[in-house]
PDB file of all heavy atoms in Angstrom:
ATOM      1  N   GLN A   1      25.088 104.965  13.365  1.00  0.00           N
ATOM      2  CA  GLN A   1      25.533 103.796  12.610  1.00  0.00           C
ATOM      3  C   GLN A   1      26.128 104.205  11.266  1.00  0.00           C
ATOM      4  O   GLN A   1      27.130 103.629  10.816  1.00  0.00           O
ATOM      5  CB  GLN A   1      24.358 102.834  12.417  1.00  0.00           C
ATOM      6  CG  GLN A   1      23.925 102.140  13.693  1.00  0.00           C
ATOM      7  CD  GLN A   1      22.705 101.254  13.489  1.00  0.00           C
ATOM      8  OE1 GLN A   1      21.959 101.410  12.519  1.00  0.00           O
ATOM      9  NE2 GLN A   1      22.490 100.324  14.405  1.00  0.00           N
ATOM     10  N   THR A   2      25.517 105.204  10.626  1.00  0.00           N
ATOM     11  CA  THR A   2      26.044 105.681   9.342  1.00  0.00           C
ATOM     12  C   THR A   2      27.424 106.304   9.518  1.00  0.00           C
ATOM     13  O   THR A   2      28.352 106.044   8.738  1.00  0.00           O
ATOM     14  CB  THR A   2      25.073 106.701   8.727  1.00  0.00           C
ATOM     15  OG1 THR A   2      23.790 106.093   8.540  1.00  0.00           O
ATOM     16  CG2 THR A   2      25.597 107.190   7.375  1.00  0.00           C
ATOM     17  N   GLU A   3      27.581 107.138  10.573  1.00  0.00           N
ATOM     18  CA  GLU A   3      28.881 107.762  10.840  1.00  0.00           C
ATOM     19  C   GLU A   3      29.933 106.715  11.193  1.00  0.00           C
ATOM     20  O   GLU A   3      31.096 106.831  10.787  1.00  0.00           O
ATOM     21  CB  GLU A   3      28.747 108.777  11.970  1.00  0.00           C
ATOM     22  CG  GLU A   3      27.901 109.997  11.599  1.00  0.00           C
ATOM     23  CD  GLU A   3      27.722 110.944  12.766  1.00  0.00           C
ATOM     24  OE1 GLU A   3      28.113 110.561  13.892  1.00  0.00           O
ATOM     25  OE2 GLU A   3      27.222 112.066  12.548  1.00  0.00           O
ATOM     26  N   LEU A   4      29.536 105.678  11.939  1.00  0.00           N
ATOM     27  CA  LEU A   4      30.482 104.625  12.300  1.00  0.00           C
ATOM     28  C   LEU A   4      30.932 103.864  11.058  1.00  0.00           C
ATOM     29  O   LEU A   4      32.122 103.550  10.918  1.00  0.00           O
ATOM     30  CB  LEU A   4      29.822 103.661  13.296  1.00  0.00           C
ATOM     31  CG  LEU A   4      30.674 102.472  13.739  1.00  0.00           C
ATOM     32  CD1 LEU A   4      31.946 102.948  14.420  1.00  0.00           C
ATOM     33  CD2 LEU A   4      29.888 101.574  14.688  1.00  0.00           C
ATOM     34  N   ALA A   5      29.985 103.582  10.158  1.00  0.00           N
ATOM     35  CA  ALA A   5      30.357 102.881   8.924  1.00  0.00           C
ATOM     36  C   ALA A   5      31.313 103.725   8.087  1.00  0.00           C
ATOM     37  O   ALA A   5      32.296 103.208   7.518  1.00  0.00           O
ATOM     38  CB  ALA A   5      29.101 102.532   8.122  1.00  0.00           C
ATOM     39  N   THR A   6      31.051 105.038   8.017  1.00  0.00           N
ATOM     40  CA  THR A   6      31.939 105.930   7.259  1.00  0.00           C
ATOM     41  C   THR A   6      33.336 105.967   7.885  1.00  0.00           C
ATOM     42  O   THR A   6      34.346 105.923   7.183  1.00  0.00           O
ATOM     43  CB  THR A   6      31.343 107.350   7.216  1.00  0.00           C
ATOM     44  OG1 THR A   6      30.046 107.306   6.620  1.00  0.00           O
ATOM     45  CG2 THR A   6      32.238 108.274   6.408  1.00  0.00           C
ATOM     46  N   THR A   7      33.401 106.040   9.211  1.00  0.00           N
ATOM     47  CA  THR A   7      34.696 106.064   9.899  1.00  0.00           C
ATOM     48  C   THR A   7      35.458 104.768   9.658  1.00  0.00           C
ATOM     49  O   THR A   7      36.684 104.781   9.450  1.00  0.00           O
ATOM     50  CB  THR A   7      34.480 106.264  11.404  1.00  0.00           C
ATOM     51  OG1 THR A   7      33.771 107.492  11.611  1.00  0.00           O
ATOM     52  CG2 THR A   7      35.811 106.342  12.138  1.00  0.00           C
ATOM     53  N   ARG A   8      34.770 103.643   9.682  1.00  0.00           N
ATOM     54  CA  ARG A   8      35.428 102.370   9.429  1.00  0.00           C
ATOM     55  C   ARG A   8      35.975 102.294   8.010  1.00  0.00           C
ATOM     56  O   ARG A   8      37.076 101.777   7.781  1.00  0.00           O
ATOM     57  CB  ARG A   8      34.444 101.233   9.677  1.00  0.00           C
ATOM     58  CG  ARG A   8      34.151 100.977  11.157  1.00  0.00           C
ATOM     59  CD  ARG A   8      33.104  99.905  11.328  1.00  0.00           C
ATOM     60  NE  ARG A   8      32.896  99.570  12.728  1.00  0.00           N
ATOM     61  CZ  ARG A   8      31.951  98.761  13.167  1.00  0.00           C
ATOM     62  NH1 ARG A   8      31.108  98.194  12.304  1.00  0.00           N
ATOM     63  NH2 ARG A   8      31.832  98.521  14.459  1.00  0.00           N
ATOM     64  N   GLU A   9      35.214 102.839   7.048  1.00  0.00           N
ATOM     65  CA  GLU A   9      35.698 102.850   5.667  1.00  0.00           C
ATOM     66  C   GLU A   9      36.956 103.704   5.540  1.00  0.00           C
ATOM     67  O   GLU A   9      37.918 103.319   4.857  1.00  0.00           O
ATOM     68  CB  GLU A   9      34.595 103.364   4.747  1.00  0.00           C
ATOM     69  CG  GLU A   9      33.407 102.416   4.604  1.00  0.00           C
ATOM     70  CD  GLU A   9      32.321 103.001   3.737  1.00  0.00           C
ATOM     71  OE1 GLU A   9      32.495 104.156   3.286  1.00  0.00           O
ATOM     72  OE2 GLU A   9      31.308 102.309   3.496  1.00  0.00           O
ATOM     73  N   ARG A  10      36.959 104.883   6.202  1.00  0.00           N
ATOM     74  CA  ARG A  10      38.139 105.734   6.144  1.00  0.00           C
ATOM     75  C   ARG A  10      39.339 105.064   6.797  1.00  0.00           C
ATOM     76  O   ARG A  10      40.457 105.141   6.290  1.00  0.00           O
ATOM     77  CB  ARG A  10      37.839 107.067   6.832  1.00  0.00           C
ATOM     78  CG  ARG A  10      36.848 107.941   6.077  1.00  0.00           C
ATOM     79  CD  ARG A  10      36.549 109.204   6.855  1.00  0.00           C
ATOM     80  NE  ARG A  10      35.624 110.078   6.137  1.00  0.00           N
ATOM     81  CZ  ARG A  10      35.123 111.204   6.632  1.00  0.00           C
ATOM     82  NH1 ARG A  10      35.483 111.600   7.837  1.00  0.00           N
ATOM     83  NH2 ARG A  10      34.285 111.936   5.916  1.00  0.00           N
ATOM     84  N   LEU A  11      39.090 104.426   7.944  1.00  0.00           N
ATOM     85  CA  LEU A  11      40.177 103.751   8.635  1.00  0.00           C
ATOM     86  C   LEU A  11      40.769 102.635   7.778  1.00  0.00           C
ATOM     87  O   LEU A  11      41.992 102.471   7.696  1.00  0.00           O
ATOM     88  CB  LEU A  11      39.668 103.186   9.966  1.00  0.00           C
ATOM     89  CG  LEU A  11      40.696 102.420  10.805  1.00  0.00           C
ATOM     90  CD1 LEU A  11      41.859 103.322  11.167  1.00  0.00           C
ATOM     91  CD2 LEU A  11      40.046 101.859  12.065  1.00  0.00           C
ATOM     92  N   ALA A  12      39.887 101.868   7.134  1.00  0.00           N
ATOM     93  CA  ALA A  12      40.369 100.795   6.258  1.00  0.00           C
ATOM     94  C   ALA A  12      41.183 101.358   5.092  1.00  0.00           C
ATOM     95  O   ALA A  12      42.202 100.784   4.683  1.00  0.00           O
ATOM     96  CB  ALA A  12      39.193  99.973   5.737  1.00  0.00           C
ATOM     97  N   PHE A  13      40.748 102.540   4.576  1.00  0.00           N
ATOM     98  CA  PHE A  13      41.467 103.165   3.472  1.00  0.00           C
ATOM     99  C   PHE A  13      42.861 103.602   3.913  1.00  0.00           C
ATOM    100  O   PHE A  13      43.851 103.334   3.238  1.00  0.00           O
ATOM    101  CB  PHE A  13      40.662 104.363   2.966  1.00  0.00           C
ATOM    102  CG  PHE A  13      41.381 105.180   1.926  1.00  0.00           C
ATOM    103  CD1 PHE A  13      41.517 104.709   0.627  1.00  0.00           C
ATOM    104  CD2 PHE A  13      41.929 106.409   2.251  1.00  0.00           C
ATOM    105  CE1 PHE A  13      42.175 105.469  -0.331  1.00  0.00           C
ATOM    106  CE2 PHE A  13      42.590 107.163   1.305  1.00  0.00           C
ATOM    107  CZ  PHE A  13      42.714 106.691   0.004  1.00  0.00           C
ATOM    108  N   TYR A  14      42.938 104.258   5.080  1.00  0.00           N
ATOM    109  CA  TYR A  14      44.242 104.723   5.568  1.00  0.00           C
ATOM    110  C   TYR A  14      45.153 103.556   5.942  1.00  0.00           C
ATOM    111  O   TYR A  14      46.372 103.603   5.734  1.00  0.00           O
ATOM    112  CB  TYR A  14      44.062 105.646   6.761  1.00  0.00           C
ATOM    113  CG  TYR A  14      43.478 106.990   6.392  1.00  0.00           C
ATOM    114  CD1 TYR A  14      42.385 107.504   7.079  1.00  0.00           C
ATOM    115  CD2 TYR A  14      44.004 107.745   5.349  1.00  0.00           C
ATOM    116  CE1 TYR A  14      41.837 108.728   6.732  1.00  0.00           C
ATOM    117  CE2 TYR A  14      43.466 108.959   5.002  1.00  0.00           C
ATOM    118  CZ  TYR A  14      42.390 109.453   5.689  1.00  0.00           C
ATOM    119  OH  TYR A  14      41.849 110.659   5.346  1.00  0.00           O
ATOM    120  N   GLU A  15      44.560 102.498   6.500  1.00  0.00           N
ATOM    121  CA  GLU A  15      45.368 101.325   6.817  1.00  0.00           C
ATOM    122  C   GLU A  15      45.909 100.657   5.563  1.00  0.00           C
ATOM    123  O   GLU A  15      46.987 100.065   5.578  1.00  0.00           O
ATOM    124  CB  GLU A  15      44.540 100.333   7.636  1.00  0.00           C
ATOM    125  CG  GLU A  15      44.304 100.788   9.071  1.00  0.00           C
ATOM    126  CD  GLU A  15      43.490  99.786   9.857  1.00  0.00           C
ATOM    127  OE1 GLU A  15      42.896  98.878   9.221  1.00  0.00           O
ATOM    128  OE2 GLU A  15      43.445  99.891  11.094  1.00  0.00           O
ATOM    129  N   GLN A  16      45.137 100.780   4.475  1.00  0.00           N
ATOM    130  CA  GLN A  16      45.624 100.230   3.211  1.00  0.00           C
ATOM    131  C   GLN A  16      46.780 101.068   2.663  1.00  0.00           C
ATOM    132  O   GLN A  16      47.737 100.537   2.096  1.00  0.00           O
ATOM    133  CB  GLN A  16      44.474 100.190   2.187  1.00  0.00           C
ATOM    134  CG  GLN A  16      44.858  99.537   0.864  1.00  0.00           C
ATOM    135  CD  GLN A  16      43.685  99.466  -0.091  1.00  0.00           C
ATOM    136  OE1 GLN A  16      42.613  99.987   0.197  1.00  0.00           O
ATOM    137  NE2 GLN A  16      43.879  98.825  -1.220  1.00  0.00           N
ATOM    138  N   LEU A  17      46.685 102.393   2.847  1.00  0.00           N
ATOM    139  CA  LEU A  17      47.776 103.260   2.402  1.00  0.00           C
ATOM    140  C   LEU A  17      49.023 103.072   3.257  1.00  0.00           C
ATOM    141  O   LEU A  17      50.143 103.112   2.747  1.00  0.00           O
ATOM    142  CB  LEU A  17      47.327 104.723   2.463  1.00  0.00           C
ATOM    143  CG  LEU A  17      46.235 105.157   1.486  1.00  0.00           C
ATOM    144  CD1 LEU A  17      45.900 106.620   1.701  1.00  0.00           C
ATOM    145  CD2 LEU A  17      46.673 104.920   0.033  1.00  0.00           C
ATOM    146  N   LEU A  18      48.817 102.869   4.550  1.00  0.00           N
ATOM    147  CA  LEU A  18      49.922 102.684   5.488  1.00  0.00           C
ATOM    148  C   LEU A  18      49.756 101.333   6.163  1.00  0.00           C
ATOM    149  O   LEU A  18      49.254 101.245   7.280  1.00  0.00           O
ATOM    150  CB  LEU A  18      49.942 103.803   6.514  1.00  0.00           C
ATOM    151  CG  LEU A  18      50.180 105.213   5.976  1.00  0.00           C
ATOM    152  CD1 LEU A  18      49.946 106.234   7.070  1.00  0.00           C
ATOM    153  CD2 LEU A  18      51.586 105.340   5.420  1.00  0.00           C
ATOM    154  N   PRO A  19      50.125 100.269   5.479  1.00  0.00           N
ATOM    155  CA  PRO A  19      49.905  98.939   6.062  1.00  0.00           C
ATOM    156  C   PRO A  19      50.748  98.726   7.314  1.00  0.00           C
ATOM    157  O   PRO A  19      51.836  99.283   7.441  1.00  0.00           O
ATOM    158  CB  PRO A  19      50.365  98.000   4.941  1.00  0.00           C
ATOM    159  CG  PRO A  19      51.315  98.811   4.121  1.00  0.00           C
ATOM    160  CD  PRO A  19      50.816 100.227   4.193  1.00  0.00           C
ATOM    161  N   PRO A  20      50.216  97.982   8.275  1.00  0.00           N
ATOM    162  CA  PRO A  20      50.972  97.731   9.504  1.00  0.00           C
ATOM    163  C   PRO A  20      52.213  96.893   9.254  1.00  0.00           C
ATOM    164  O   PRO A  20      52.256  96.065   8.345  1.00  0.00           O
ATOM    165  CB  PRO A  20      49.963  96.974  10.371  1.00  0.00           C
ATOM    166  CG  PRO A  20      49.023  96.350   9.400  1.00  0.00           C
ATOM    167  CD  PRO A  20      48.920  97.295   8.251  1.00  0.00           C
ATOM    168  N   GLY A  21      53.235  97.135  10.057  1.00  0.00           N
ATOM    169  CA  GLY A  21      54.460  96.366   9.940  1.00  0.00           C
ATOM    170  C   GLY A  21      54.431  95.153  10.842  1.00  0.00           C
ATOM    171  O   GLY A  21      53.389  94.786  11.381  1.00  0.00           O
ATOM    172  N   PRO A  22      55.567  94.538  11.058  1.00  0.00           N
ATOM    173  CA  PRO A  22      55.634  93.388  11.960  1.00  0.00           C
ATOM    174  C   PRO A  22      55.232  93.764  13.376  1.00  0.00           C
ATOM    175  O   PRO A  22      55.215  94.942  13.739  1.00  0.00           O
ATOM    176  CB  PRO A  22      57.118  92.976  11.881  1.00  0.00           C
ATOM    177  CG  PRO A  22      57.629  93.604  10.629  1.00  0.00           C
ATOM    178  CD  PRO A  22      56.852  94.870  10.436  1.00  0.00           C
ATOM    179  N   ALA A  23      54.880  92.772  14.164  1.00  0.00           N
ATOM    180  CA  ALA A  23      54.459  93.030  15.536  1.00  0.00           C
ATOM    181  C   ALA A  23      55.545  93.780  16.298  1.00  0.00           C
ATOM    182  O   ALA A  23      56.711  93.374  16.290  1.00  0.00           O
ATOM    183  CB  ALA A  23      54.130  91.709  16.235  1.00  0.00           C
ATOM    184  N   GLY A  24      55.167  94.885  16.917  1.00  0.00           N
ATOM    185  CA  GLY A  24      56.115  95.677  17.687  1.00  0.00           C
ATOM    186  C   GLY A  24      56.869  96.702  16.873  1.00  0.00           C
ATOM    187  O   GLY A  24      57.633  97.479  17.436  1.00  0.00           O
ATOM    188  N   ALA A  25      56.653  96.742  15.550  1.00  0.00           N
ATOM    189  CA  ALA A  25      57.381  97.689  14.706  1.00  0.00           C
ATOM    190  C   ALA A  25      56.848  99.100  14.927  1.00  0.00           C
ATOM    191  O   ALA A  25      55.653  99.320  15.086  1.00  0.00           O
ATOM    192  CB  ALA A  25      57.239  97.306  13.231  1.00  0.00           C
ATOM    193  N   VAL A  26      57.745 100.080  14.929  1.00  0.00           N
ATOM    194  CA  VAL A  26      57.385 101.475  15.091  1.00  0.00           C
ATOM    195  C   VAL A  26      57.370 102.136  13.719  1.00  0.00           C
ATOM    196  O   VAL A  26      58.288 101.956  12.922  1.00  0.00           O
ATOM    197  CB  VAL A  26      58.381 102.195  16.018  1.00  0.00           C
ATOM    198  CG1 VAL A  26      58.044 103.681  16.121  1.00  0.00           C
ATOM    199  CG2 VAL A  26      58.379 101.556  17.397  1.00  0.00           C
TER     200      VAL A  26
END
């Protein structure tokens, strides 16, 4: 559970740095 929480925090951080584009965008 601790490792999963850490992974989720990292994923949220990277998603914030590289925000998703419009649906279907590459």
